[in-house]
Structure formats: structure tokens, C-alpha cells
């Protein structure tokens, strides 16, 4: 992956008490994203240049509309589910896909004979 790429994650859960669910992304080295509400949602991560690294996490937060949660505290601070995905995000200094340094190619037989 490179900065500028977009990852879309489809999520689904049901609350056994029928409460509304809140979802958000928390990418490596970036602030927590805005919340999306519902049982089935799609979350999009636009890879930021600050997220370059060999083992970059993307946390997916989920919490029921409740004061108490499984982890992380009360109210808006808590969460009921927190899967984490890891990605390798490579820098793309040229601003385009492909190698940052041009590939070295060996001259073919015809080209060698001309020199």
C-alpha cells in the first residue's frame, strides 16, 4: 500500500439488547475517525503519509449506545469490539505508482555489441 490508497472495510454486528451501534476507524499515527452508526456499515481509510511503515495498524472500533462498555471506559471513551488489522505502507516519494528508483536493466546482446 502507499499513501493515497483507499481501503474500504465492511462491518456487521448486532447488539443483543437492540441498541444502536457506533463504528469508527483509528489508523496508525492519526486521530480517531468520525463515527458511523448502524448494524451494517462501510468504513473507508484513506492512507495518509504519516502512516508509512512496515507494520501499520488500523483499529476498527465498535460500541453500543450505552454508558458502560467491555473496555476503554464509560460513554464515548469505551468500546465493545476492537479488531486490529496490520498493513505494510510504503513511501511513494515520486507521487506515482511503481518503483521510487528506476529499475536497472541489463543491455541485451544487440545493445552490447554496439558499444
PDB file of N, CA and C in Angstrom:
ATOM      1  N   UNK A   1       0.836  -1.170   0.000  1.00  0.00           N
ATOM      2  CA  UNK A   1       0.000   0.000   0.000  1.00  0.00           C
ATOM      3  C   UNK A   1       0.882   1.236   0.000  1.00  0.00           C
ATOM      4  N   UNK A   2       0.312   2.337  -0.428  1.00  0.00           N
ATOM      5  CA  UNK A   2       1.008   3.619  -0.461  1.00  0.00           C
ATOM      6  C   UNK A   2       0.086   4.724   0.051  1.00  0.00           C
ATOM      7  N   UNK A   3       0.653   5.837   0.518  1.00  0.00           N
ATOM      8  CA  UNK A   3      -0.190   6.980   0.865  1.00  0.00           C
ATOM      9  C   UNK A   3      -1.064   7.359  -0.329  1.00  0.00           C
ATOM     10  N   UNK A   4      -2.309   7.665  -0.048  1.00  0.00           N
ATOM     11  CA  UNK A   4      -3.271   7.993  -1.094  1.00  0.00           C
ATOM     12  C   UNK A   4      -4.195   6.834  -1.435  1.00  0.00           C
ATOM     13  N   UNK A   5      -3.784   5.594  -1.093  1.00  0.00           N
ATOM     14  CA  UNK A   5      -4.654   4.440  -1.332  1.00  0.00           C
ATOM     15  C   UNK A   5      -5.881   4.531  -0.424  1.00  0.00           C
ATOM     16  N   UNK A   6      -6.921   3.822  -0.819  1.00  0.00           N
ATOM     17  CA  UNK A   6      -8.167   3.806  -0.047  1.00  0.00           C
ATOM     18  C   UNK A   6      -8.535   2.359   0.262  1.00  0.00           C
ATOM     19  N   UNK A   7      -8.821   2.081   1.523  1.00  0.00           N
ATOM     20  CA  UNK A   7      -9.238   0.749   1.972  1.00  0.00           C
ATOM     21  C   UNK A   7     -10.669   0.877   2.488  1.00  0.00           C
ATOM     22  N   UNK A   8     -11.571   0.026   2.008  1.00  0.00           N
ATOM     23  CA  UNK A   8     -12.959   0.025   2.467  1.00  0.00           C
ATOM     24  C   UNK A   8     -13.204  -1.277   3.219  1.00  0.00           C
ATOM     25  N   UNK A   9     -13.710  -1.154   4.437  1.00  0.00           N
ATOM     26  CA  UNK A   9     -13.968  -2.315   5.291  1.00  0.00           C
ATOM     27  C   UNK A   9     -15.467  -2.373   5.569  1.00  0.00           C
ATOM     28  N   UNK A  10     -16.065  -3.527   5.276  1.00  0.00           N
ATOM     29  CA  UNK A  10     -17.484  -3.749   5.567  1.00  0.00           C
ATOM     30  C   UNK A  10     -17.597  -4.411   6.934  1.00  0.00           C
ATOM     31  N   UNK A  11     -18.471  -3.888   7.783  1.00  0.00           N
ATOM     32  CA  UNK A  11     -18.624  -4.380   9.151  1.00  0.00           C
ATOM     33  C   UNK A  11     -20.090  -4.694   9.431  1.00  0.00           C
ATOM     34  N   UNK A  12     -20.309  -5.721  10.254  1.00  0.00           N
ATOM     35  CA  UNK A  12     -21.669  -6.055  10.670  1.00  0.00           C
ATOM     36  C   UNK A  12     -21.635  -6.609  12.090  1.00  0.00           C
ATOM     37  N   UNK A  13     -22.570  -6.178  12.900  1.00  0.00           N
ATOM     38  CA  UNK A  13     -22.762  -6.709  14.251  1.00  0.00           C
ATOM     39  C   UNK A  13     -24.191  -6.408  14.673  1.00  0.00           C
ATOM     40  N   UNK A  14     -24.665  -7.168  15.656  1.00  0.00           N
ATOM     41  CA  UNK A  14     -25.978  -6.935  16.251  1.00  0.00           C
ATOM     42  C   UNK A  14     -25.808  -6.841  17.754  1.00  0.00           C
ATOM     43  N   UNK A  15     -26.484  -5.898  18.363  1.00  0.00           N
ATOM     44  CA  UNK A  15     -26.476  -5.775  19.814  1.00  0.00           C
ATOM     45  C   UNK A  15     -27.597  -6.643  20.368  1.00  0.00           C
ATOM     46  N   UNK A  16     -27.311  -7.511  21.338  1.00  0.00           N
ATOM     47  CA  UNK A  16     -28.370  -8.386  21.865  1.00  0.00           C
ATOM     48  C   UNK A  16     -29.507  -7.641  22.563  1.00  0.00           C
ATOM     49  N   UNK A  17     -29.258  -6.371  22.926  1.00  0.00           N
ATOM     50  CA  UNK A  17     -30.295  -5.562  23.581  1.00  0.00           C
ATOM     51  C   UNK A  17     -30.973  -4.589  22.612  1.00  0.00           C
ATOM     52  N   UNK A  18     -30.614  -4.679  21.323  1.00  0.00           N
ATOM     53  CA  UNK A  18     -31.240  -3.845  20.311  1.00  0.00           C
ATOM     54  C   UNK A  18     -30.752  -2.406  20.260  1.00  0.00           C
ATOM     55  N   UNK A  19     -29.641  -2.116  20.924  1.00  0.00           N
ATOM     56  CA  UNK A  19     -29.126  -0.737  20.922  1.00  0.00           C
ATOM     57  C   UNK A  19     -28.418  -0.424  19.608  1.00  0.00           C
ATOM     58  N   UNK A  20     -28.399   0.856  19.276  1.00  0.00           N
ATOM     59  CA  UNK A  20     -27.696   1.316  18.087  1.00  0.00           C
ATOM     60  C   UNK A  20     -26.186   1.134  18.276  1.00  0.00           C
ATOM     61  N   UNK A  21     -25.495   0.761  17.194  1.00  0.00           N
ATOM     62  CA  UNK A  21     -24.045   0.579  17.238  1.00  0.00           C
ATOM     63  C   UNK A  21     -23.331   1.745  16.566  1.00  0.00           C
ATOM     64  N   UNK A  22     -22.194   2.124  17.138  1.00  0.00           N
ATOM     65  CA  UNK A  22     -21.326   3.165  16.583  1.00  0.00           C
ATOM     66  C   UNK A  22     -20.029   2.505  16.141  1.00  0.00           C
ATOM     67  N   UNK A  23     -19.503   2.900  14.993  1.00  0.00           N
ATOM     68  CA  UNK A  23     -18.272   2.354  14.420  1.00  0.00           C
ATOM     69  C   UNK A  23     -17.326   3.496  14.081  1.00  0.00           C
ATOM     70  N   UNK A  24     -16.024   3.243  14.129  1.00  0.00           N
ATOM     71  CA  UNK A  24     -15.032   4.232  13.724  1.00  0.00           C
ATOM     72  C   UNK A  24     -13.719   3.521  13.401  1.00  0.00           C
ATOM     73  N   UNK A  25     -12.856   4.210  12.677  1.00  0.00           N
ATOM     74  CA  UNK A  25     -11.509   3.729  12.396  1.00  0.00           C
ATOM     75  C   UNK A  25     -10.514   4.537  13.215  1.00  0.00           C
ATOM     76  N   UNK A  26      -9.450   3.873  13.621  1.00  0.00           N
ATOM     77  CA  UNK A  26      -8.350   4.562  14.295  1.00  0.00           C
ATOM     78  C   UNK A  26      -7.053   4.114  13.632  1.00  0.00           C
ATOM     79  N   UNK A  27      -6.616   4.859  12.599  1.00  0.00           N
ATOM     80  CA  UNK A  27      -5.403   4.483  11.890  1.00  0.00           C
ATOM     81  C   UNK A  27      -4.138   4.845  12.664  1.00  0.00           C
ATOM     82  N   UNK A  28      -3.078   4.129  12.378  1.00  0.00           N
ATOM     83  CA  UNK A  28      -1.757   4.374  12.946  1.00  0.00           C
ATOM     84  C   UNK A  28      -1.356   5.832  12.726  1.00  0.00           C
ATOM     85  N   UNK A  29      -0.885   6.461  13.790  1.00  0.00           N
ATOM     86  CA  UNK A  29      -0.300   7.800  13.719  1.00  0.00           C
ATOM     87  C   UNK A  29      -1.287   8.879  13.259  1.00  0.00           C
ATOM     88  N   UNK A  30      -2.575   8.638  13.419  1.00  0.00           N
ATOM     89  CA  UNK A  30      -3.607   9.596  13.017  1.00  0.00           C
ATOM     90  C   UNK A  30      -4.687   9.611  14.089  1.00  0.00           C
ATOM     91  N   UNK A  31      -5.460  10.685  14.158  1.00  0.00           N
ATOM     92  CA  UNK A  31      -6.565  10.720  15.135  1.00  0.00           C
ATOM     93  C   UNK A  31      -7.685   9.752  14.759  1.00  0.00           C
ATOM     94  N   UNK A  32      -8.448   9.398  15.758  1.00  0.00           N
ATOM     95  CA  UNK A  32      -9.615   8.540  15.567  1.00  0.00           C
ATOM     96  C   UNK A  32     -10.576   9.211  14.592  1.00  0.00           C
ATOM     97  N   UNK A  33     -11.150   8.428  13.686  1.00  0.00           N
ATOM     98  CA  UNK A  33     -12.055   8.966  12.679  1.00  0.00           C
ATOM     99  C   UNK A  33     -13.454   9.207  13.222  1.00  0.00           C
ATOM    100  N   UNK A  34     -14.274   9.832  12.417  1.00  0.00           N
ATOM    101  CA  UNK A  34     -15.658  10.102  12.784  1.00  0.00           C
ATOM    102  C   UNK A  34     -16.474   8.823  12.873  1.00  0.00           C
ATOM    103  N   UNK A  35     -17.576   8.898  13.580  1.00  0.00           N
ATOM    104  CA  UNK A  35     -18.410   7.722  13.819  1.00  0.00           C
ATOM    105  C   UNK A  35     -19.445   7.526  12.717  1.00  0.00           C
ATOM    106  N   UNK A  36     -19.721   6.249  12.460  1.00  0.00           N
ATOM    107  CA  UNK A  36     -20.785   5.841  11.561  1.00  0.00           C
ATOM    108  C   UNK A  36     -21.715   4.964  12.392  1.00  0.00           C
ATOM    109  N   UNK A  37     -23.019   5.110  12.222  1.00  0.00           N
ATOM    110  CA  UNK A  37     -23.974   4.370  13.055  1.00  0.00           C
ATOM    111  C   UNK A  37     -24.732   3.350  12.219  1.00  0.00           C
ATOM    112  N   UNK A  38     -25.012   2.200  12.858  1.00  0.00           N
ATOM    113  CA  UNK A  38     -25.796   1.164  12.208  1.00  0.00           C
ATOM    114  C   UNK A  38     -25.263  -0.220  12.501  1.00  0.00           C
ATOM    115  N   UNK A  39     -26.044  -1.240  12.127  1.00  0.00           N
ATOM    116  CA  UNK A  39     -25.618  -2.625  12.307  1.00  0.00           C
ATOM    117  C   UNK A  39     -24.675  -3.072  11.196  1.00  0.00           C
ATOM    118  N   UNK A  40     -24.912  -2.587   9.988  1.00  0.00           N
ATOM    119  CA  UNK A  40     -24.053  -2.897   8.841  1.00  0.00           C
ATOM    120  C   UNK A  40     -23.546  -1.579   8.274  1.00  0.00           C
ATOM    121  N   UNK A  41     -22.212  -1.433   8.234  1.00  0.00           N
ATOM    122  CA  UNK A  41     -21.621  -0.177   7.764  1.00  0.00           C
ATOM    123  C   UNK A  41     -20.409  -0.471   6.898  1.00  0.00           C
ATOM    124  N   UNK A  42     -19.986   0.540   6.147  1.00  0.00           N
ATOM    125  CA  UNK A  42     -18.713   0.509   5.439  1.00  0.00           C
ATOM    126  C   UNK A  42     -17.878   1.664   5.956  1.00  0.00           C
ATOM    127  N   UNK A  43     -16.625   1.366   6.289  1.00  0.00           N
ATOM    128  CA  UNK A  43     -15.690   2.367   6.777  1.00  0.00           C
ATOM    129  C   UNK A  43     -14.561   2.493   5.760  1.00  0.00           C
ATOM    130  N   UNK A  44     -14.161   3.713   5.462  1.00  0.00           N
ATOM    131  CA  UNK A  44     -13.098   3.935   4.472  1.00  0.00           C
ATOM    132  C   UNK A  44     -11.891   4.582   5.131  1.00  0.00           C
ATOM    133  N   UNK A  45     -10.719   4.027   4.841  1.00  0.00           N
ATOM    134  CA  UNK A  45      -9.447   4.569   5.316  1.00  0.00           C
ATOM    135  C   UNK A  45      -8.683   5.089   4.118  1.00  0.00           C
ATOM    136  N   UNK A  46      -8.391   6.372   4.128  1.00  0.00           N
ATOM    137  CA  UNK A  46      -7.545   6.991   3.113  1.00  0.00           C
ATOM    138  C   UNK A  46      -6.141   7.037   3.712  1.00  0.00           C
ATOM    139  N   UNK A  47      -5.241   6.246   3.156  1.00  0.00           N
ATOM    140  CA  UNK A  47      -3.906   6.090   3.730  1.00  0.00           C
ATOM    141  C   UNK A  47      -3.162   7.420   3.670  1.00  0.00           C
ATOM    142  N   UNK A  48      -2.706   7.876   4.823  1.00  0.00           N
ATOM    143  CA  UNK A  48      -2.041   9.171   4.992  1.00  0.00           C
ATOM    144  C   UNK A  48      -0.524   8.984   4.977  1.00  0.00           C
ATOM    145  N   UNK A  49       0.228   9.972   4.492  1.00  0.00           N
ATOM    146  CA  UNK A  49       1.694   9.853   4.509  1.00  0.00           C
ATOM    147  C   UNK A  49       2.273   9.605   5.904  1.00  0.00           C
ATOM    148  N   UNK A  50       1.589  10.012   6.963  1.00  0.00           N
ATOM    149  CA  UNK A  50       2.081   9.780   8.327  1.00  0.00           C
ATOM    150  C   UNK A  50       1.974   8.307   8.716  1.00  0.00           C
ATOM    151  N   UNK A  51       1.298   7.501   7.903  1.00  0.00           N
ATOM    152  CA  UNK A  51       1.097   6.093   8.216  1.00  0.00           C
ATOM    153  C   UNK A  51       2.092   5.165   7.523  1.00  0.00           C
ATOM    154  N   UNK A  52       3.182   5.691   7.014  1.00  0.00           N
ATOM    155  CA  UNK A  52       4.185   4.856   6.346  1.00  0.00           C
ATOM    156  C   UNK A  52       4.898   4.001   7.384  1.00  0.00           C
ATOM    157  N   UNK A  53       5.038   2.703   7.102  1.00  0.00           N
ATOM    158  CA  UNK A  53       5.756   1.800   7.998  1.00  0.00           C
ATOM    159  C   UNK A  53       5.576   0.356   7.587  1.00  0.00           C
ATOM    160  N   UNK A  54       6.407  -0.527   8.166  1.00  0.00           N
ATOM    161  CA  UNK A  54       6.351  -1.953   7.835  1.00  0.00           C
ATOM    162  C   UNK A  54       5.202  -2.680   8.522  1.00  0.00           C
ATOM    163  N   UNK A  55       4.763  -2.179   9.668  1.00  0.00           N
ATOM    164  CA  UNK A  55       3.681  -2.840  10.418  1.00  0.00           C
ATOM    165  C   UNK A  55       2.758  -1.749  10.967  1.00  0.00           C
ATOM    166  N   UNK A  56       1.879  -1.282  10.116  1.00  0.00           N
ATOM    167  CA  UNK A  56       0.983  -0.175  10.430  1.00  0.00           C
ATOM    168  C   UNK A  56      -0.383  -0.747  10.800  1.00  0.00           C
ATOM    169  N   UNK A  57      -0.885  -0.353  11.970  1.00  0.00           N
ATOM    170  CA  UNK A  57      -2.184  -0.889  12.383  1.00  0.00           C
ATOM    171  C   UNK A  57      -3.327   0.006  11.942  1.00  0.00           C
ATOM    172  N   UNK A  58      -4.480  -0.629  11.803  1.00  0.00           N
ATOM    173  CA  UNK A  58      -5.742   0.062  11.567  1.00  0.00           C
ATOM    174  C   UNK A  58      -6.740  -0.554  12.527  1.00  0.00           C
ATOM    175  N   UNK A  59      -7.105   0.188  13.567  1.00  0.00           N
ATOM    176  CA  UNK A  59      -8.069  -0.288  14.545  1.00  0.00           C
ATOM    177  C   UNK A  59      -9.483   0.020  14.077  1.00  0.00           C
ATOM    178  N   UNK A  60     -10.381  -0.929  14.305  1.00  0.00           N
ATOM    179  CA  UNK A  60     -11.796  -0.763  13.962  1.00  0.00           C
ATOM    180  C   UNK A  60     -12.562  -0.807  15.274  1.00  0.00           C
ATOM    181  N   UNK A  61     -13.110   0.333  15.667  1.00  0.00           N
ATOM    182  CA  UNK A  61     -13.837   0.413  16.926  1.00  0.00           C
ATOM    183  C   UNK A  61     -15.326   0.231  16.727  1.00  0.00           C
ATOM    184  N   UNK A  62     -15.957  -0.418  17.724  1.00  0.00           N
ATOM    185  CA  UNK A  62     -17.406  -0.606  17.708  1.00  0.00           C
ATOM    186  C   UNK A  62     -17.904  -0.520  19.143  1.00  0.00           C
ATOM    187  N   UNK A  63     -18.989   0.210  19.344  1.00  0.00           N
ATOM    188  CA  UNK A  63     -19.580   0.323  20.680  1.00  0.00           C
ATOM    189  C   UNK A  63     -21.089   0.487  20.555  1.00  0.00           C
ATOM    190  N   UNK A  64     -21.793  -0.148  21.472  1.00  0.00           N
ATOM    191  CA  UNK A  64     -23.240   0.031  21.550  1.00  0.00           C
ATOM    192  C   UNK A  64     -23.530   1.375  22.208  1.00  0.00           C
ATOM    193  N   UNK A  65     -24.683   1.924  21.920  1.00  0.00           N
ATOM    194  CA  UNK A  65     -25.115   3.175  22.529  1.00  0.00           C
ATOM    195  C   UNK A  65     -25.467   2.888  23.984  1.00  0.00           C
ATOM    196  N   UNK A  66     -24.463   3.030  24.876  1.00  0.00           N
ATOM    197  CA  UNK A  66     -24.628   2.668  26.278  1.00  0.00           C
ATOM    198  C   UNK A  66     -23.598   3.424  27.106  1.00  0.00           C
ATOM    199  N   UNK A  67     -23.855   3.528  28.383  1.00  0.00           N
ATOM    200  CA  UNK A  67     -22.896   4.189  29.266  1.00  0.00           C
ATOM    201  C   UNK A  67     -21.718   3.273  29.579  1.00  0.00           C
ATOM    202  N   UNK A  68     -21.962   1.969  29.639  1.00  0.00           N
ATOM    203  CA  UNK A  68     -20.926   1.012  30.020  1.00  0.00           C
ATOM    204  C   UNK A  68     -20.535   0.138  28.835  1.00  0.00           C
ATOM    205  N   UNK A  69     -19.240  -0.184  28.742  1.00  0.00           N
ATOM    206  CA  UNK A  69     -18.695  -0.963  27.629  1.00  0.00           C
ATOM    207  C   UNK A  69     -17.756  -2.033  28.148  1.00  0.00           C
ATOM    208  N   UNK A  70     -17.382  -2.950  27.275  1.00  0.00           N
ATOM    209  CA  UNK A  70     -16.470  -4.036  27.656  1.00  0.00           C
ATOM    210  C   UNK A  70     -15.089  -3.524  28.031  1.00  0.00           C
ATOM    211  N   UNK A  71     -14.589  -2.506  27.336  1.00  0.00           N
ATOM    212  CA  UNK A  71     -13.242  -1.981  27.579  1.00  0.00           C
ATOM    213  C   UNK A  71     -13.206  -0.477  27.335  1.00  0.00           C
ATOM    214  N   UNK A  72     -12.164   0.158  27.846  1.00  0.00           N
ATOM    215  CA  UNK A  72     -11.853   1.530  27.486  1.00  0.00           C
ATOM    216  C   UNK A  72     -12.555   2.637  28.234  1.00  0.00           C
ATOM    217  N   UNK A  73     -13.443   2.354  29.139  1.00  0.00           N
ATOM    218  CA  UNK A  73     -14.077   3.431  29.899  1.00  0.00           C
ATOM    219  C   UNK A  73     -15.555   3.584  29.598  1.00  0.00           C
ATOM    220  N   UNK A  74     -16.112   4.633  30.185  1.00  0.00           N
ATOM    221  CA  UNK A  74     -17.555   4.896  30.051  1.00  0.00           C
ATOM    222  C   UNK A  74     -17.871   5.774  28.848  1.00  0.00           C
ATOM    223  N   UNK A  75     -19.135   5.745  28.509  1.00  0.00           N
ATOM    224  CA  UNK A  75     -19.705   6.629  27.496  1.00  0.00           C
ATOM    225  C   UNK A  75     -18.914   6.574  26.192  1.00  0.00           C
ATOM    226  N   UNK A  76     -18.529   7.728  25.660  1.00  0.00           N
ATOM    227  CA  UNK A  76     -17.853   7.820  24.367  1.00  0.00           C
ATOM    228  C   UNK A  76     -16.430   7.270  24.377  1.00  0.00           C
ATOM    229  N   UNK A  77     -15.833   7.091  25.556  1.00  0.00           N
ATOM    230  CA  UNK A  77     -14.454   6.597  25.642  1.00  0.00           C
ATOM    231  C   UNK A  77     -14.361   5.081  25.478  1.00  0.00           C
ATOM    232  N   UNK A  78     -15.448   4.369  25.717  1.00  0.00           N
ATOM    233  CA  UNK A  78     -15.406   2.911  25.721  1.00  0.00           C
ATOM    234  C   UNK A  78     -15.696   2.296  24.369  1.00  0.00           C
ATOM    235  N   UNK A  79     -15.456   0.980  24.305  1.00  0.00           N
ATOM    236  CA  UNK A  79     -15.752   0.221  23.103  1.00  0.00           C
ATOM    237  C   UNK A  79     -16.130  -1.203  23.492  1.00  0.00           C
ATOM    238  N   UNK A  80     -16.875  -1.853  22.608  1.00  0.00           N
ATOM    239  CA  UNK A  80     -17.319  -3.220  22.838  1.00  0.00           C
ATOM    240  C   UNK A  80     -16.631  -4.214  21.900  1.00  0.00           C
ATOM    241  N   UNK A  81     -16.032  -3.724  20.854  1.00  0.00           N
ATOM    242  CA  UNK A  81     -15.269  -4.550  19.920  1.00  0.00           C
ATOM    243  C   UNK A  81     -14.132  -3.735  19.354  1.00  0.00           C
ATOM    244  N   UNK A  82     -12.955  -4.393  19.144  1.00  0.00           N
ATOM    245  CA  UNK A  82     -11.794  -3.648  18.660  1.00  0.00           C
ATOM    246  C   UNK A  82     -10.861  -4.562  17.865  1.00  0.00           C
ATOM    247  N   UNK A  83     -11.268  -5.015  16.681  1.00  0.00           N
ATOM    248  CA  UNK A  83     -10.320  -5.773  15.859  1.00  0.00           C
ATOM    249  C   UNK A  83      -9.252  -4.837  15.293  1.00  0.00           C
ATOM    250  N   UNK A  84      -8.080  -5.387  15.056  1.00  0.00           N
ATOM    251  CA  UNK A  84      -6.957  -4.611  14.525  1.00  0.00           C
ATOM    252  C   UNK A  84      -6.396  -5.340  13.310  1.00  0.00           C
ATOM    253  N   UNK A  85      -6.177  -4.603  12.227  1.00  0.00           N
ATOM    254  CA  UNK A  85      -5.556  -5.128  11.011  1.00  0.00           C
ATOM    255  C   UNK A  85      -4.186  -4.480  10.872  1.00  0.00           C
ATOM    256  N   UNK A  86      -3.239  -5.210  10.302  1.00  0.00           N
ATOM    257  CA  UNK A  86      -1.896  -4.669  10.078  1.00  0.00           C
ATOM    258  C   UNK A  86      -1.590  -4.645   8.585  1.00  0.00           C
ATOM    259  N   UNK A  87      -0.953  -3.554   8.162  1.00  0.00           N
ATOM    260  CA  UNK A  87      -0.605  -3.360   6.763  1.00  0.00           C
ATOM    261  C   UNK A  87       0.841  -2.890   6.645  1.00  0.00           C
ATOM    262  N   UNK A  88       1.420  -3.119   5.485  1.00  0.00           N
ATOM    263  CA  UNK A  88       2.705  -2.513   5.153  1.00  0.00           C
ATOM    264  C   UNK A  88       2.401  -1.341   4.228  1.00  0.00           C
ATOM    265  N   UNK A  89       2.794  -0.139   4.650  1.00  0.00           N
ATOM    266  CA  UNK A  89       2.575   1.067   3.859  1.00  0.00           C
ATOM    267  C   UNK A  89       3.938   1.599   3.450  1.00  0.00           C
ATOM    268  N   UNK A  90       4.208   1.569   2.157  1.00  0.00           N
ATOM    269  CA  UNK A  90       5.493   2.009   1.628  1.00  0.00           C
ATOM    270  C   UNK A  90       5.398   3.463   1.179  1.00  0.00           C
ATOM    271  N   UNK A  91       6.469   4.198   1.424  1.00  0.00           N
ATOM    272  CA  UNK A  91       6.527   5.583   0.944  1.00  0.00           C
ATOM    273  C   UNK A  91       6.545   5.581  -0.571  1.00  0.00           C
ATOM    274  N   UNK A  92       5.969   6.577  -1.151  1.00  0.00           N
ATOM    275  CA  UNK A  92       5.930   6.710  -2.606  1.00  0.00           C
ATOM    276  C   UNK A  92       6.408   8.119  -2.956  1.00  0.00           C
ATOM    277  N   UNK A  93       7.733   8.367  -2.815  1.00  0.00           N
ATOM    278  CA  UNK A  93       8.229   9.738  -2.963  1.00  0.00           C
ATOM    279  C   UNK A  93       8.014  10.345  -4.339  1.00  0.00           C
ATOM    280  N   UNK A  94       7.881   9.509  -5.371  1.00  0.00           N
ATOM    281  CA  UNK A  94       7.674  10.056  -6.711  1.00  0.00           C
ATOM    282  C   UNK A  94       6.245  10.516  -6.922  1.00  0.00           C
ATOM    283  N   UNK A  95       5.354  10.123  -6.004  1.00  0.00           N
ATOM    284  CA  UNK A  95       3.959  10.521  -6.127  1.00  0.00           C
ATOM    285  C   UNK A  95       3.190   9.703  -7.143  1.00  0.00           C
ATOM    286  N   UNK A  96       3.804   8.623  -7.618  1.00  0.00           N
ATOM    287  CA  UNK A  96       3.139   7.763  -8.597  1.00  0.00           C
ATOM    288  C   UNK A  96       3.430   6.309  -8.242  1.00  0.00           C
ATOM    289  N   UNK A  97       2.609   5.424  -8.748  1.00  0.00           N
ATOM    290  CA  UNK A  97       2.830   4.004  -8.510  1.00  0.00           C
ATOM    291  C   UNK A  97       4.103   3.567  -9.223  1.00  0.00           C
ATOM    292  N   UNK A  98       4.667   2.503  -8.726  1.00  0.00           N
ATOM    293  CA  UNK A  98       5.878   1.977  -9.337  1.00  0.00           C
ATOM    294  C   UNK A  98       7.075   2.241  -8.458  1.00  0.00           C
ATOM    295  N   UNK A  99       8.228   1.749  -8.852  1.00  0.00           N
ATOM    296  CA  UNK A  99       9.406   1.890  -8.012  1.00  0.00           C
ATOM    297  C   UNK A  99       9.839   3.338  -7.874  1.00  0.00           C
ATOM    298  N   UNK A 100      10.305   3.697  -6.675  1.00  0.00           N
ATOM    299  CA  UNK A 100      10.794   5.047  -6.440  1.00  0.00           C
ATOM    300  C   UNK A 100      12.113   5.265  -7.153  1.00  0.00           C
ATOM    301  N   UNK A 101      12.903   4.202  -7.323  1.00  0.00           N
ATOM    302  CA  UNK A 101      14.173   4.265  -8.046  1.00  0.00           C
ATOM    303  C   UNK A 101      13.993   3.464  -9.324  1.00  0.00           C
ATOM    304  N   UNK A 102      14.381   4.031 -10.474  1.00  0.00           N
ATOM    305  CA  UNK A 102      14.193   3.288 -11.721  1.00  0.00           C
ATOM    306  C   UNK A 102      14.916   1.947 -11.675  1.00  0.00           C
ATOM    307  N   UNK A 103      14.299   0.943 -12.265  1.00  0.00           N
ATOM    308  CA  UNK A 103      14.919  -0.378 -12.317  1.00  0.00           C
ATOM    309  C   UNK A 103      16.140  -0.330 -13.228  1.00  0.00           C
ATOM    310  N   UNK A 104      17.182  -1.050 -12.832  1.00  0.00           N
ATOM    311  CA  UNK A 104      18.370  -1.180 -13.663  1.00  0.00           C
ATOM    312  C   UNK A 104      18.167  -2.382 -14.575  1.00  0.00           C
ATOM    313  N   UNK A 105      18.283  -2.166 -15.848  1.00  0.00           N
ATOM    314  CA  UNK A 105      18.080  -3.253 -16.787  1.00  0.00           C
ATOM    315  C   UNK A 105      19.410  -3.559 -17.459  1.00  0.00           C
ATOM    316  N   UNK A 106      19.631  -4.839 -17.699  1.00  0.00           N
ATOM    317  CA  UNK A 106      20.846  -5.274 -18.376  1.00  0.00           C
ATOM    318  C   UNK A 106      20.675  -5.074 -19.879  1.00  0.00           C
ATOM    319  N   UNK A 107      21.707  -4.541 -20.568  1.00  0.00           N
ATOM    320  CA  UNK A 107      21.585  -4.392 -22.028  1.00  0.00           C
ATOM    321  C   UNK A 107      21.486  -5.761 -22.693  1.00  0.00           C
ATOM    322  N   UNK A 108      20.680  -5.808 -23.742  1.00  0.00           N
ATOM    323  CA  UNK A 108      20.572  -7.082 -24.464  1.00  0.00           C
ATOM    324  C   UNK A 108      21.793  -7.275 -25.358  1.00  0.00           C
ATOM    325  N   UNK A 109      21.883  -8.418 -26.018  1.00  0.00           N
ATOM    326  CA  UNK A 109      23.062  -8.773 -26.808  1.00  0.00           C
ATOM    327  C   UNK A 109      23.328  -7.757 -27.914  1.00  0.00           C
ATOM    328  N   UNK A 110      22.279  -7.292 -28.582  1.00  0.00           N
ATOM    329  CA  UNK A 110      22.447  -6.313 -29.666  1.00  0.00           C
ATOM    330  C   UNK A 110      23.032  -5.012 -29.131  1.00  0.00           C
ATOM    331  N   UNK A 111      22.507  -4.528 -28.002  1.00  0.00           N
ATOM    332  CA  UNK A 111      22.987  -3.268 -27.433  1.00  0.00           C
ATOM    333  C   UNK A 111      24.438  -3.391 -26.994  1.00  0.00           C
ATOM    334  N   UNK A 112      24.866  -4.519 -26.445  1.00  0.00           N
ATOM    335  CA  UNK A 112      26.259  -4.714 -26.018  1.00  0.00           C
ATOM    336  C   UNK A 112      27.194  -4.690 -27.199  1.00  0.00           C
ATOM    337  N   UNK A 113      26.763  -5.245 -28.340  1.00  0.00           N
ATOM    338  CA  UNK A 113      27.653  -5.296 -29.494  1.00  0.00           C
ATOM    339  C   UNK A 113      27.854  -3.935 -30.132  1.00  0.00           C
ATOM    340  N   UNK A 114      26.982  -2.977 -29.887  1.00  0.00           N
ATOM    341  CA  UNK A 114      27.119  -1.632 -30.468  1.00  0.00           C
ATOM    342  C   UNK A 114      28.150  -0.803 -29.737  1.00  0.00           C
ATOM    343  N   UNK A 115      28.546  -1.157 -28.525  1.00  0.00           N
ATOM    344  CA  UNK A 115      29.471  -0.352 -27.719  1.00  0.00           C
ATOM    345  C   UNK A 115      30.869  -0.743 -27.926  1.00  0.00           C
TER     346      UNK A 115
END
